[in-house]
Amino acid sequence: MSEAERALERAEALVERLEETRRRLESTQDAEAATEVLSELAEIAREIEAELAEARRRAEEDAREEP
């Protein structure tokens, strides 16, 4: 498995975590808890973005290395 594929797998796992967190947000009635969950969603989104950037970078490296 390539490094790009590993980064994509990590991003997919983070998307699952994002969905679980989003469901928690939908079920909360407490404004303070909702704010905390929104912060968590933002952090997960940043992590997903970083993993996708890493996957893209690794895929481009792999493409340059292929004859």
Protein backbone atom coordinates (compact mmCIF):
# COMPACT_ATOMS: atom_id res chain seq x y z
CA MET A 1 0.00 0.00 0.00
CA SER A 2 1.38 3.38 -0.97
CA GLU A 3 1.74 6.35 1.35
CA ALA A 4 -0.94 8.14 -0.67
CA GLU A 5 -3.37 5.29 -0.05
CA ARG A 6 -2.54 5.30 3.65
CA ALA A 7 -3.24 9.03 3.84
CA LEU A 8 -6.56 8.48 2.06
CA GLU A 9 -7.48 5.74 4.54
CA ARG A 10 -6.73 8.09 7.42
CA ALA A 11 -8.88 10.77 5.76
CA GLU A 12 -11.72 8.27 5.36
CA ALA A 13 -11.51 7.35 9.04
CA LEU A 14 -11.61 11.05 9.90
CA VAL A 15 -14.70 11.52 7.72
CA GLU A 16 -16.41 8.76 9.70
CA ARG A 17 -15.41 10.55 12.92
CA LEU A 18 -16.73 13.81 11.45
CA GLU A 19 -20.09 12.18 10.70
CA GLU A 20 -20.33 10.76 14.23
CA THR A 21 -19.53 14.18 15.67
CA ARG A 22 -22.07 15.85 13.39
CA ARG A 23 -24.74 13.44 14.67
CA ARG A 24 -23.80 14.43 18.23
CA LEU A 25 -24.25 18.08 17.28
CA GLU A 26 -27.69 17.38 15.84
CA SER A 27 -28.77 15.63 19.01
CA THR A 28 -27.60 18.25 21.51
CA GLN A 29 -29.88 20.90 22.93
CA ASP A 30 -27.25 22.59 25.06
CA ALA A 31 -25.68 25.68 23.46
CA GLU A 32 -22.37 25.28 25.29
CA ALA A 33 -22.09 21.64 24.28
CA ALA A 34 -22.98 22.57 20.69
CA THR A 35 -20.17 25.13 20.66
CA GLU A 36 -17.71 22.50 21.85
CA VAL A 37 -18.89 20.04 19.21
CA LEU A 38 -18.59 22.72 16.51
CA SER A 39 -14.99 23.31 17.58
CA GLU A 40 -14.36 19.58 17.38
CA LEU A 41 -15.92 19.48 13.90
CA ALA A 42 -13.63 22.29 12.77
CA GLU A 43 -10.57 20.47 14.08
CA ILE A 44 -11.55 17.22 12.37
CA ALA A 45 -12.14 19.11 9.12
CA ARG A 46 -8.62 20.57 9.37
CA GLU A 47 -7.21 17.09 9.94
CA ILE A 48 -9.09 15.79 6.89
CA GLU A 49 -7.76 18.64 4.80
CA ALA A 50 -4.20 17.87 5.94
CA GLU A 51 -4.54 14.16 5.13
CA LEU A 52 -5.96 14.91 1.69
CA ALA A 53 -3.11 17.33 1.00
CA GLU A 54 -0.65 14.65 2.10
CA ALA A 55 -2.33 12.06 -0.14
CA ARG A 56 -2.18 14.45 -3.08
CA ARG A 57 1.48 15.24 -2.43
CA ARG A 58 2.39 11.56 -2.12
CA ALA A 59 0.45 10.66 -5.28
CA GLU A 60 2.26 13.38 -7.21
CA GLU A 61 5.59 12.10 -5.89
CA ASP A 62 4.69 8.56 -6.92
CA ALA A 63 3.66 9.75 -10.38
CA ARG A 64 7.00 11.54 -10.85
CA GLU A 65 8.91 8.43 -9.76
CA GLU A 66 7.16 6.14 -12.26
CA PRO A 67 9.05 5.65 -15.55
